[in-house]
Amino acid sequence: MKKYVTLSYLGSVSALGVATCCVLPMAMMLLGLGGSWLATFGKIAAASYYVLAISTALVAVSWIVAHRNATLANLKCWLGGSTTITALGWVILFNEAQINDLLIIQM
């Protein structure tokens, strides 16, 4: 069961990283950490929906396996955290234009 929880968290963290691919460069520029290396984030943006969909599937499979193995009571906090991270990734992805506008105002 630990394998599924680990996969769930790895998927969630990667989903959060992919979701912030357009917001993170703006935040780094606001901090003065800009440069040409920030262009690499644009290549990641093309795969953001796929990575988030795979992450969501991993989290769902982890919930199902935990429920079937009767270990849901022990893993509820871990799986809840993983679900929260994945949901945050979706929220950032769908609201990245507004987030970028707020960061531009701060500049």
PDB file of N, CA and C in Angstrom:
ATOM      1  N   MET A   1       0.819  -1.195   0.000  1.00  0.00           N
ATOM      2  CA  MET A   1       0.000   0.000   0.000  1.00  0.00           C
ATOM      3  C   MET A   1       0.857   1.251   0.000  1.00  0.00           C
ATOM      4  N   LYS A   2       2.013   1.182   0.627  1.00  0.00           N
ATOM      5  CA  LYS A   2       2.911   2.338   0.642  1.00  0.00           C
ATOM      6  C   LYS A   2       3.294   2.762  -0.772  1.00  0.00           C
ATOM      7  N   LYS A   3       3.356   1.775  -1.671  1.00  0.00           N
ATOM      8  CA  LYS A   3       3.716   2.056  -3.055  1.00  0.00           C
ATOM      9  C   LYS A   3       2.699   3.009  -3.687  1.00  0.00           C
ATOM     10  N   TYR A   4       1.420   2.792  -3.420  1.00  0.00           N
ATOM     11  CA  TYR A   4       0.384   3.628  -4.000  1.00  0.00           C
ATOM     12  C   TYR A   4       0.375   5.027  -3.404  1.00  0.00           C
ATOM     13  N   VAL A   5       0.636   5.116  -2.115  1.00  0.00           N
ATOM     14  CA  VAL A   5       0.700   6.432  -1.476  1.00  0.00           C
ATOM     15  C   VAL A   5       1.894   7.208  -2.011  1.00  0.00           C
ATOM     16  N   THR A   6       3.025   6.534  -2.186  1.00  0.00           N
ATOM     17  CA  THR A   6       4.209   7.189  -2.740  1.00  0.00           C
ATOM     18  C   THR A   6       3.946   7.654  -4.168  1.00  0.00           C
ATOM     19  N   LEU A   7       3.337   6.809  -4.979  1.00  0.00           N
ATOM     20  CA  LEU A   7       2.996   7.205  -6.350  1.00  0.00           C
ATOM     21  C   LEU A   7       2.015   8.364  -6.355  1.00  0.00           C
ATOM     22  N   SER A   8       1.098   8.342  -5.433  1.00  0.00           N
ATOM     23  CA  SER A   8       0.114   9.411  -5.335  1.00  0.00           C
ATOM     24  C   SER A   8       0.796  10.746  -5.038  1.00  0.00           C
ATOM     25  N   TYR A   9       1.725  10.747  -4.078  1.00  0.00           N
ATOM     26  CA  TYR A   9       2.419  11.985  -3.740  1.00  0.00           C
ATOM     27  C   TYR A   9       3.372  12.429  -4.845  1.00  0.00           C
ATOM     28  N   LEU A  10       4.058  11.504  -5.475  1.00  0.00           N
ATOM     29  CA  LEU A  10       4.933  11.888  -6.585  1.00  0.00           C
ATOM     30  C   LEU A  10       4.129  12.498  -7.715  1.00  0.00           C
ATOM     31  N   GLY A  11       2.993  11.921  -8.008  1.00  0.00           N
ATOM     32  CA  GLY A  11       2.125  12.475  -9.040  1.00  0.00           C
ATOM     33  C   GLY A  11       1.599  13.841  -8.660  1.00  0.00           C
ATOM     34  N   SER A  12       1.240  14.014  -7.407  1.00  0.00           N
ATOM     35  CA  SER A  12       0.702  15.294  -6.953  1.00  0.00           C
ATOM     36  C   SER A  12       1.750  16.401  -6.984  1.00  0.00           C
ATOM     37  N   VAL A  13       2.949  16.092  -6.552  1.00  0.00           N
ATOM     38  CA  VAL A  13       4.016  17.093  -6.556  1.00  0.00           C
ATOM     39  C   VAL A  13       4.412  17.459  -7.989  1.00  0.00           C
ATOM     40  N   SER A  14       4.471  16.461  -8.865  1.00  0.00           N
ATOM     41  CA  SER A  14       4.786  16.768 -10.258  1.00  0.00           C
ATOM     42  C   SER A  14       3.662  17.576 -10.896  1.00  0.00           C
ATOM     43  N   ALA A  15       2.422  17.298 -10.541  1.00  0.00           N
ATOM     44  CA  ALA A  15       1.299  18.071 -11.070  1.00  0.00           C
ATOM     45  C   ALA A  15       1.368  19.523 -10.601  1.00  0.00           C
ATOM     46  N   LEU A  16       1.716  19.720  -9.358  1.00  0.00           N
ATOM     47  CA  LEU A  16       1.849  21.076  -8.837  1.00  0.00           C
ATOM     48  C   LEU A  16       2.999  21.803  -9.529  1.00  0.00           C
ATOM     49  N   GLY A  17       4.092  21.093  -9.773  1.00  0.00           N
ATOM     50  CA  GLY A  17       5.221  21.704 -10.486  1.00  0.00           C
ATOM     51  C   GLY A  17       4.871  22.091 -11.906  1.00  0.00           C
ATOM     52  N   VAL A  18       4.146  21.241 -12.588  1.00  0.00           N
ATOM     53  CA  VAL A  18       3.748  21.534 -13.964  1.00  0.00           C
ATOM     54  C   VAL A  18       2.733  22.657 -13.996  1.00  0.00           C
ATOM     55  N   ALA A  19       1.846  22.701 -13.028  1.00  0.00           N
ATOM     56  CA  ALA A  19       0.830  23.745 -12.998  1.00  0.00           C
ATOM     57  C   ALA A  19       1.437  25.122 -12.767  1.00  0.00           C
ATOM     58  N   THR A  20       2.555  25.173 -12.070  1.00  0.00           N
ATOM     59  CA  THR A  20       3.175  26.467 -11.790  1.00  0.00           C
ATOM     60  C   THR A  20       4.192  26.874 -12.850  1.00  0.00           C
ATOM     61  N   CYS A  21       4.209  26.169 -13.977  1.00  0.00           N
ATOM     62  CA  CYS A  21       5.230  26.447 -14.985  1.00  0.00           C
ATOM     63  C   CYS A  21       5.094  27.835 -15.597  1.00  0.00           C
ATOM     64  N   CYS A  22       3.917  28.407 -15.576  1.00  0.00           N
ATOM     65  CA  CYS A  22       3.750  29.749 -16.135  1.00  0.00           C
ATOM     66  C   CYS A  22       3.725  30.822 -15.053  1.00  0.00           C
ATOM     67  N   VAL A  23       3.402  30.438 -13.840  1.00  0.00           N
ATOM     68  CA  VAL A  23       3.364  31.392 -12.732  1.00  0.00           C
ATOM     69  C   VAL A  23       4.749  31.546 -12.110  1.00  0.00           C
ATOM     70  N   LEU A  24       5.482  30.459 -12.026  1.00  0.00           N
ATOM     71  CA  LEU A  24       6.797  30.472 -11.388  1.00  0.00           C
ATOM     72  C   LEU A  24       7.795  31.418 -12.062  1.00  0.00           C
ATOM     73  N   PRO A  25       7.883  31.460 -13.403  1.00  0.00           N
ATOM     74  CA  PRO A  25       8.816  32.418 -14.007  1.00  0.00           C
ATOM     75  C   PRO A  25       8.487  33.870 -13.682  1.00  0.00           C
ATOM     76  N   MET A  26       7.184  34.188 -13.619  1.00  0.00           N
ATOM     77  CA  MET A  26       6.806  35.568 -13.271  1.00  0.00           C
ATOM     78  C   MET A  26       7.215  35.888 -11.834  1.00  0.00           C
ATOM     79  N   ALA A  27       7.027  34.944 -10.945  1.00  0.00           N
ATOM     80  CA  ALA A  27       7.419  35.156  -9.550  1.00  0.00           C
ATOM     81  C   ALA A  27       8.936  35.290  -9.431  1.00  0.00           C
ATOM     82  N   MET A  28       9.668  34.509 -10.220  1.00  0.00           N
ATOM     83  CA  MET A  28      11.132  34.601 -10.178  1.00  0.00           C
ATOM     84  C   MET A  28      11.613  35.941 -10.738  1.00  0.00           C
ATOM     85  N   MET A  29      10.959  36.417 -11.783  1.00  0.00           N
ATOM     86  CA  MET A  29      11.331  37.724 -12.321  1.00  0.00           C
ATOM     87  C   MET A  29      11.036  38.822 -11.316  1.00  0.00           C
ATOM     88  N   LEU A  30       9.951  38.675 -10.568  1.00  0.00           N
ATOM     89  CA  LEU A  30       9.609  39.647  -9.539  1.00  0.00           C
ATOM     90  C   LEU A  30      10.679  39.686  -8.451  1.00  0.00           C
ATOM     91  N   LEU A  31      11.295  38.523  -8.201  1.00  0.00           N
ATOM     92  CA  LEU A  31      12.366  38.442  -7.206  1.00  0.00           C
ATOM     93  C   LEU A  31      13.734  38.809  -7.774  1.00  0.00           C
ATOM     94  N   GLY A  32      13.805  39.067  -9.076  1.00  0.00           N
ATOM     95  CA  GLY A  32      15.069  39.430  -9.707  1.00  0.00           C
ATOM     96  C   GLY A  32      15.886  38.237 -10.159  1.00  0.00           C
ATOM     97  N   LEU A  33      15.264  37.090 -10.320  1.00  0.00           N
ATOM     98  CA  LEU A  33      15.976  35.881 -10.723  1.00  0.00           C
ATOM     99  C   LEU A  33      15.707  35.529 -12.187  1.00  0.00           C
ATOM    100  N   GLY A  34      15.484  36.520 -13.011  1.00  0.00           N
ATOM    101  CA  GLY A  34      15.166  36.277 -14.420  1.00  0.00           C
ATOM    102  C   GLY A  34      16.389  35.868 -15.221  1.00  0.00           C
ATOM    103  N   GLY A  35      16.138  35.470 -16.425  1.00  0.00           N
ATOM    104  CA  GLY A  35      17.206  35.064 -17.323  1.00  0.00           C
ATOM    105  C   GLY A  35      16.658  34.245 -18.461  1.00  0.00           C
ATOM    106  N   SER A  36      17.517  33.914 -19.393  1.00  0.00           N
ATOM    107  CA  SER A  36      17.068  33.158 -20.562  1.00  0.00           C
ATOM    108  C   SER A  36      16.700  31.719 -20.204  1.00  0.00           C
ATOM    109  N   TRP A  37      17.180  31.207 -19.087  1.00  0.00           N
ATOM    110  CA  TRP A  37      16.870  29.837 -18.695  1.00  0.00           C
ATOM    111  C   TRP A  37      15.396  29.678 -18.344  1.00  0.00           C
ATOM    112  N   LEU A  38      14.674  30.769 -18.114  1.00  0.00           N
ATOM    113  CA  LEU A  38      13.247  30.687 -17.809  1.00  0.00           C
ATOM    114  C   LEU A  38      12.425  30.229 -19.014  1.00  0.00           C
ATOM    115  N   ALA A  39      13.011  30.278 -20.208  1.00  0.00           N
ATOM    116  CA  ALA A  39      12.299  29.836 -21.412  1.00  0.00           C
ATOM    117  C   ALA A  39      12.042  28.333 -21.391  1.00  0.00           C
ATOM    118  N   THR A  40      12.772  27.577 -20.592  1.00  0.00           N
ATOM    119  CA  THR A  40      12.549  26.130 -20.528  1.00  0.00           C
ATOM    120  C   THR A  40      11.194  25.782 -19.935  1.00  0.00           C
ATOM    121  N   PHE A  41      10.613  26.699 -19.161  1.00  0.00           N
ATOM    122  CA  PHE A  41       9.299  26.436 -18.585  1.00  0.00           C
ATOM    123  C   PHE A  41       8.220  26.377 -19.657  1.00  0.00           C
ATOM    124  N   GLY A  42       8.412  27.038 -20.778  1.00  0.00           N
ATOM    125  CA  GLY A  42       7.423  27.015 -21.855  1.00  0.00           C
ATOM    126  C   GLY A  42       7.247  25.631 -22.451  1.00  0.00           C
ATOM    127  N   LYS A  43       8.308  24.854 -22.491  1.00  0.00           N
ATOM    128  CA  LYS A  43       8.221  23.492 -23.027  1.00  0.00           C
ATOM    129  C   LYS A  43       7.409  22.587 -22.099  1.00  0.00           C
ATOM    130  N   ILE A  44       7.468  22.854 -20.832  1.00  0.00           N
ATOM    131  CA  ILE A  44       6.730  22.051 -19.858  1.00  0.00           C
ATOM    132  C   ILE A  44       5.234  22.339 -19.933  1.00  0.00           C
ATOM    133  N   ALA A  45       4.877  23.562 -20.297  1.00  0.00           N
ATOM    134  CA  ALA A  45       3.473  23.964 -20.310  1.00  0.00           C
ATOM    135  C   ALA A  45       2.630  23.127 -21.262  1.00  0.00           C
ATOM    136  N   ALA A  46       3.224  22.612 -22.319  1.00  0.00           N
ATOM    137  CA  ALA A  46       2.469  21.815 -23.284  1.00  0.00           C
ATOM    138  C   ALA A  46       1.955  20.511 -22.672  1.00  0.00           C
ATOM    139  N   ALA A  47       2.630  19.992 -21.693  1.00  0.00           N
ATOM    140  CA  ALA A  47       2.246  18.711 -21.088  1.00  0.00           C
ATOM    141  C   ALA A  47       1.481  18.871 -19.785  1.00  0.00           C
ATOM    142  N   SER A  48       1.129  20.078 -19.405  1.00  0.00           N
ATOM    143  CA  SER A  48       0.550  20.293 -18.084  1.00  0.00           C
ATOM    144  C   SER A  48      -0.786  19.566 -17.890  1.00  0.00           C
ATOM    145  N   TYR A  49      -1.657  19.592 -18.883  1.00  0.00           N
ATOM    146  CA  TYR A  49      -2.948  18.914 -18.728  1.00  0.00           C
ATOM    147  C   TYR A  49      -2.777  17.402 -18.626  1.00  0.00           C
ATOM    148  N   TYR A  50      -1.839  16.854 -19.392  1.00  0.00           N
ATOM    149  CA  TYR A  50      -1.606  15.411 -19.342  1.00  0.00           C
ATOM    150  C   TYR A  50      -1.051  14.975 -17.992  1.00  0.00           C
ATOM    151  N   VAL A  51      -0.096  15.731 -17.476  1.00  0.00           N
ATOM    152  CA  VAL A  51       0.492  15.381 -16.181  1.00  0.00           C
ATOM    153  C   VAL A  51      -0.545  15.504 -15.068  1.00  0.00           C
ATOM    154  N   LEU A  52      -1.364  16.546 -15.129  1.00  0.00           N
ATOM    155  CA  LEU A  52      -2.407  16.698 -14.116  1.00  0.00           C
ATOM    156  C   LEU A  52      -3.453  15.595 -14.209  1.00  0.00           C
ATOM    157  N   ALA A  53      -3.795  15.169 -15.413  1.00  0.00           N
ATOM    158  CA  ALA A  53      -4.758  14.072 -15.570  1.00  0.00           C
ATOM    159  C   ALA A  53      -4.188  12.763 -15.030  1.00  0.00           C
ATOM    160  N   ILE A  54      -2.921  12.493 -15.309  1.00  0.00           N
ATOM    161  CA  ILE A  54      -2.278  11.283 -14.790  1.00  0.00           C
ATOM    162  C   ILE A  54      -2.192  11.337 -13.268  1.00  0.00           C
ATOM    163  N   SER A  55      -1.872  12.494 -12.734  1.00  0.00           N
ATOM    164  CA  SER A  55      -1.797  12.653 -11.283  1.00  0.00           C
ATOM    165  C   SER A  55      -3.157  12.421 -10.631  1.00  0.00           C
ATOM    166  N   THR A  56      -4.196  12.959 -11.239  1.00  0.00           N
ATOM    167  CA  THR A  56      -5.543  12.759 -10.713  1.00  0.00           C
ATOM    168  C   THR A  56      -5.920  11.278 -10.741  1.00  0.00           C
ATOM    169  N   ALA A  57      -5.542  10.596 -11.806  1.00  0.00           N
ATOM    170  CA  ALA A  57      -5.815   9.156 -11.904  1.00  0.00           C
ATOM    171  C   ALA A  57      -5.056   8.382 -10.824  1.00  0.00           C
ATOM    172  N   LEU A  58      -3.797   8.749 -10.575  1.00  0.00           N
ATOM    173  CA  LEU A  58      -3.017   8.080  -9.528  1.00  0.00           C
ATOM    174  C   LEU A  58      -3.633   8.286  -8.149  1.00  0.00           C
ATOM    175  N   VAL A  59      -4.104   9.481  -7.889  1.00  0.00           N
ATOM    176  CA  VAL A  59      -4.733   9.753  -6.595  1.00  0.00           C
ATOM    177  C   VAL A  59      -6.022   8.948  -6.463  1.00  0.00           C
ATOM    178  N   ALA A  60      -6.802   8.885  -7.532  1.00  0.00           N
ATOM    179  CA  ALA A  60      -8.054   8.121  -7.481  1.00  0.00           C
ATOM    180  C   ALA A  60      -7.786   6.629  -7.268  1.00  0.00           C
ATOM    181  N   VAL A  61      -6.789   6.098  -7.958  1.00  0.00           N
ATOM    182  CA  VAL A  61      -6.437   4.682  -7.782  1.00  0.00           C
ATOM    183  C   VAL A  61      -5.963   4.427  -6.353  1.00  0.00           C
ATOM    184  N   SER A  62      -5.220   5.351  -5.786  1.00  0.00           N
ATOM    185  CA  SER A  62      -4.756   5.192  -4.404  1.00  0.00           C
ATOM    186  C   SER A  62      -5.929   5.155  -3.431  1.00  0.00           C
ATOM    187  N   TRP A  63      -6.919   6.016  -3.628  1.00  0.00           N
ATOM    188  CA  TRP A  63      -8.106   5.993  -2.777  1.00  0.00           C
ATOM    189  C   TRP A  63      -8.849   4.673  -2.910  1.00  0.00           C
ATOM    190  N   ILE A  64      -9.006   4.199  -4.144  1.00  0.00           N
ATOM    191  CA  ILE A  64      -9.736   2.951  -4.375  1.00  0.00           C
ATOM    192  C   ILE A  64      -9.012   1.766  -3.748  1.00  0.00           C
ATOM    193  N   VAL A  65      -7.704   1.691  -3.941  1.00  0.00           N
ATOM    194  CA  VAL A  65      -6.929   0.574  -3.385  1.00  0.00           C
ATOM    195  C   VAL A  65      -6.949   0.618  -1.855  1.00  0.00           C
ATOM    196  N   ALA A  66      -6.842   1.805  -1.288  1.00  0.00           N
ATOM    197  CA  ALA A  66      -6.884   1.922   0.176  1.00  0.00           C
ATOM    198  C   ALA A  66      -8.246   1.496   0.711  1.00  0.00           C
ATOM    199  N   HIS A  67      -9.288   1.825  -0.013  1.00  0.00           N
ATOM    200  CA  HIS A  67     -10.633   1.429   0.427  1.00  0.00           C
ATOM    201  C   HIS A  67     -10.825  -0.087   0.324  1.00  0.00           C
ATOM    202  N   ARG A  68     -10.340  -0.680  -0.756  1.00  0.00           N
ATOM    203  CA  ARG A  68     -10.491  -2.125  -0.941  1.00  0.00           C
ATOM    204  C   ARG A  68      -9.649  -2.938   0.036  1.00  0.00           C
ATOM    205  N   ASN A  69      -8.488  -2.415   0.409  1.00  0.00           N
ATOM    206  CA  ASN A  69      -7.610  -3.135   1.335  1.00  0.00           C
ATOM    207  C   ASN A  69      -7.933  -2.835   2.799  1.00  0.00           C
ATOM    208  N   ALA A  70      -8.956  -2.065   3.032  1.00  0.00           N
ATOM    209  CA  ALA A  70      -9.395  -1.697   4.387  1.00  0.00           C
ATOM    210  C   ALA A  70      -8.305  -0.957   5.158  1.00  0.00           C
ATOM    211  N   THR A  71      -7.495  -0.186   4.455  1.00  0.00           N
ATOM    212  CA  THR A  71      -6.461   0.625   5.108  1.00  0.00           C
ATOM    213  C   THR A  71      -6.778   2.115   4.992  1.00  0.00           C
ATOM    214  N   LEU A  72      -7.994   2.423   4.617  1.00  0.00           N
ATOM    215  CA  LEU A  72      -8.376   3.815   4.401  1.00  0.00           C
ATOM    216  C   LEU A  72      -8.280   4.630   5.691  1.00  0.00           C
ATOM    217  N   ALA A  73      -8.624   4.029   6.810  1.00  0.00           N
ATOM    218  CA  ALA A  73      -8.578   4.751   8.088  1.00  0.00           C
ATOM    219  C   ALA A  73      -7.151   5.173   8.424  1.00  0.00           C
ATOM    220  N   ASN A  74      -6.170   4.335   8.092  1.00  0.00           N
ATOM    221  CA  ASN A  74      -4.770   4.651   8.398  1.00  0.00           C
ATOM    222  C   ASN A  74      -4.173   5.660   7.429  1.00  0.00           C
ATOM    223  N   LEU A  75      -4.662   5.667   6.198  1.00  0.00           N
ATOM    224  CA  LEU A  75      -4.046   6.489   5.159  1.00  0.00           C
ATOM    225  C   LEU A  75      -4.870   7.712   4.780  1.00  0.00           C
ATOM    226  N   LYS A  76      -5.923   7.972   5.509  1.00  0.00           N
ATOM    227  CA  LYS A  76      -6.821   9.068   5.145  1.00  0.00           C
ATOM    228  C   LYS A  76      -6.097  10.420   5.106  1.00  0.00           C
ATOM    229  N   CYS A  77      -5.235  10.686   6.058  1.00  0.00           N
ATOM    230  CA  CYS A  77      -4.496  11.959   6.087  1.00  0.00           C
ATOM    231  C   CYS A  77      -3.526  12.067   4.917  1.00  0.00           C
ATOM    232  N   TRP A  78      -2.804  10.987   4.636  1.00  0.00           N
ATOM    233  CA  TRP A  78      -1.850  10.998   3.530  1.00  0.00           C
ATOM    234  C   TRP A  78      -2.549  11.195   2.192  1.00  0.00           C
ATOM    235  N   LEU A  79      -3.612  10.453   1.986  1.00  0.00           N
ATOM    236  CA  LEU A  79      -4.338  10.566   0.722  1.00  0.00           C
ATOM    237  C   LEU A  79      -5.058  11.907   0.612  1.00  0.00           C
ATOM    238  N   GLY A  80      -5.518  12.428   1.727  1.00  0.00           N
ATOM    239  CA  GLY A  80      -6.133  13.758   1.725  1.00  0.00           C
ATOM    240  C   GLY A  80      -5.134  14.837   1.333  1.00  0.00           C
ATOM    241  N   GLY A  81      -3.919  14.712   1.838  1.00  0.00           N
ATOM    242  CA  GLY A  81      -2.872  15.662   1.460  1.00  0.00           C
ATOM    243  C   GLY A  81      -2.523  15.579  -0.011  1.00  0.00           C
ATOM    244  N   SER A  82      -2.447  14.377  -0.515  1.00  0.00           N
ATOM    245  CA  SER A  82      -2.163  14.182  -1.931  1.00  0.00           C
ATOM    246  C   SER A  82      -3.275  14.741  -2.804  1.00  0.00           C
ATOM    247  N   THR A  83      -4.503  14.537  -2.382  1.00  0.00           N
ATOM    248  CA  THR A  83      -5.651  15.081  -3.115  1.00  0.00           C
ATOM    249  C   THR A  83      -5.637  16.601  -3.091  1.00  0.00           C
ATOM    250  N   THR A  84      -5.276  17.181  -1.964  1.00  0.00           N
ATOM    251  CA  THR A  84      -5.213  18.636  -1.839  1.00  0.00           C
ATOM    252  C   THR A  84      -4.146  19.220  -2.755  1.00  0.00           C
ATOM    253  N   ILE A  85      -2.990  18.592  -2.817  1.00  0.00           N
ATOM    254  CA  ILE A  85      -1.914  19.081  -3.682  1.00  0.00           C
ATOM    255  C   ILE A  85      -2.331  19.017  -5.146  1.00  0.00           C
ATOM    256  N   THR A  86      -2.975  17.924  -5.539  1.00  0.00           N
ATOM    257  CA  THR A  86      -3.429  17.802  -6.929  1.00  0.00           C
ATOM    258  C   THR A  86      -4.509  18.829  -7.234  1.00  0.00           C
ATOM    259  N   ALA A  87      -5.434  19.033  -6.312  1.00  0.00           N
ATOM    260  CA  ALA A  87      -6.481  20.044  -6.517  1.00  0.00           C
ATOM    261  C   ALA A  87      -5.876  21.443  -6.627  1.00  0.00           C
ATOM    262  N   LEU A  88      -4.856  21.722  -5.832  1.00  0.00           N
ATOM    263  CA  LEU A  88      -4.171  23.011  -5.917  1.00  0.00           C
ATOM    264  C   LEU A  88      -3.516  23.186  -7.283  1.00  0.00           C
ATOM    265  N   GLY A  89      -2.968  22.097  -7.822  1.00  0.00           N
ATOM    266  CA  GLY A  89      -2.398  22.155  -9.167  1.00  0.00           C
ATOM    267  C   GLY A  89      -3.439  22.526 -10.202  1.00  0.00           C
ATOM    268  N   TRP A  90      -4.638  21.926 -10.114  1.00  0.00           N
ATOM    269  CA  TRP A  90      -5.712  22.265 -11.049  1.00  0.00           C
ATOM    270  C   TRP A  90      -6.150  23.714 -10.888  1.00  0.00           C
ATOM    271  N   VAL A  91      -6.263  24.183  -9.655  1.00  0.00           N
ATOM    272  CA  VAL A  91      -6.690  25.566  -9.410  1.00  0.00           C
ATOM    273  C   VAL A  91      -5.675  26.548  -9.991  1.00  0.00           C
ATOM    274  N   ILE A  92      -4.402  26.284  -9.782  1.00  0.00           N
ATOM    275  CA  ILE A  92      -3.362  27.166 -10.326  1.00  0.00           C
ATOM    276  C   ILE A  92      -3.399  27.154 -11.840  1.00  0.00           C
ATOM    277  N   LEU A  93      -3.561  25.990 -12.442  1.00  0.00           N
ATOM    278  CA  LEU A  93      -3.576  25.886 -13.893  1.00  0.00           C
ATOM    279  C   LEU A  93      -4.739  26.662 -14.496  1.00  0.00           C
ATOM    280  N   PHE A  94      -5.922  26.543 -13.907  1.00  0.00           N
ATOM    281  CA  PHE A  94      -7.085  27.227 -14.457  1.00  0.00           C
ATOM    282  C   PHE A  94      -7.113  28.726 -14.165  1.00  0.00           C
ATOM    283  N   ASN A  95      -6.332  29.181 -13.193  1.00  0.00           N
ATOM    284  CA  ASN A  95      -6.317  30.597 -12.823  1.00  0.00           C
ATOM    285  C   ASN A  95      -4.973  31.261 -13.060  1.00  0.00           C
ATOM    286  N   GLU A  96      -4.144  30.677 -13.918  1.00  0.00           N
ATOM    287  CA  GLU A  96      -2.794  31.231 -14.070  1.00  0.00           C
ATOM    288  C   GLU A  96      -2.797  32.611 -14.714  1.00  0.00           C
ATOM    289  N   ALA A  97      -3.758  32.922 -15.542  1.00  0.00           N
ATOM    290  CA  ALA A  97      -3.802  34.264 -16.142  1.00  0.00           C
ATOM    291  C   ALA A  97      -4.047  35.328 -15.070  1.00  0.00           C
ATOM    292  N   GLN A  98      -4.972  35.055 -14.164  1.00  0.00           N
ATOM    293  CA  GLN A  98      -5.243  36.013 -13.088  1.00  0.00           C
ATOM    294  C   GLN A  98      -4.057  36.125 -12.135  1.00  0.00           C
ATOM    295  N   ILE A  99      -3.410  35.005 -11.860  1.00  0.00           N
ATOM    296  CA  ILE A  99      -2.238  35.026 -10.977  1.00  0.00           C
ATOM    297  C   ILE A  99      -1.114  35.830 -11.620  1.00  0.00           C
ATOM    298  N   ASN A 100      -0.889  35.618 -12.927  1.00  0.00           N
ATOM    299  CA  ASN A 100       0.144  36.378 -13.624  1.00  0.00           C
ATOM    300  C   ASN A 100      -0.186  37.867 -13.648  1.00  0.00           C
ATOM    301  N   ASP A 101      -1.448  38.221 -13.810  1.00  0.00           N
ATOM    302  CA  ASP A 101      -1.843  39.632 -13.771  1.00  0.00           C
ATOM    303  C   ASP A 101      -1.526  40.253 -12.417  1.00  0.00           C
ATOM    304  N   LEU A 102      -1.804  39.508 -11.344  1.00  0.00           N
ATOM    305  CA  LEU A 102      -1.477  40.023 -10.004  1.00  0.00           C
ATOM    306  C   LEU A 102       0.025  40.196  -9.821  1.00  0.00           C
ATOM    307  N   LEU A 103       0.820  39.266 -10.364  1.00  0.00           N
ATOM    308  CA  LEU A 103       2.273  39.383 -10.254  1.00  0.00           C
ATOM    309  C   LEU A 103       2.789  40.558 -11.088  1.00  0.00           C
ATOM    310  N   ILE A 104       2.195  40.789 -12.243  1.00  0.00           N
ATOM    311  CA  ILE A 104       2.622  41.921 -13.085  1.00  0.00           C
ATOM    312  C   ILE A 104       2.314  43.247 -12.377  1.00  0.00           C
ATOM    313  N   ILE A 105       1.183  43.314 -11.694  1.00  0.00           N
ATOM    314  CA  ILE A 105       0.845  44.526 -10.943  1.00  0.00           C
ATOM    315  C   ILE A 105       1.903  44.780  -9.865  1.00  0.00           C
ATOM    316  N   GLN A 106       2.447  43.731  -9.264  1.00  0.00           N
ATOM    317  CA  GLN A 106       3.443  43.882  -8.217  1.00  0.00           C
ATOM    318  C   GLN A 106       4.774  44.409  -8.746  1.00  0.00           C
ATOM    319  N   MET A 107       5.014  44.223 -10.045  1.00  0.00           N
ATOM    320  CA  MET A 107       6.280  44.701 -10.619  1.00  0.00           C
ATOM    321  C   MET A 107       6.222  46.187 -10.725  1.00  0.00           C
TER     322      MET A 107
END
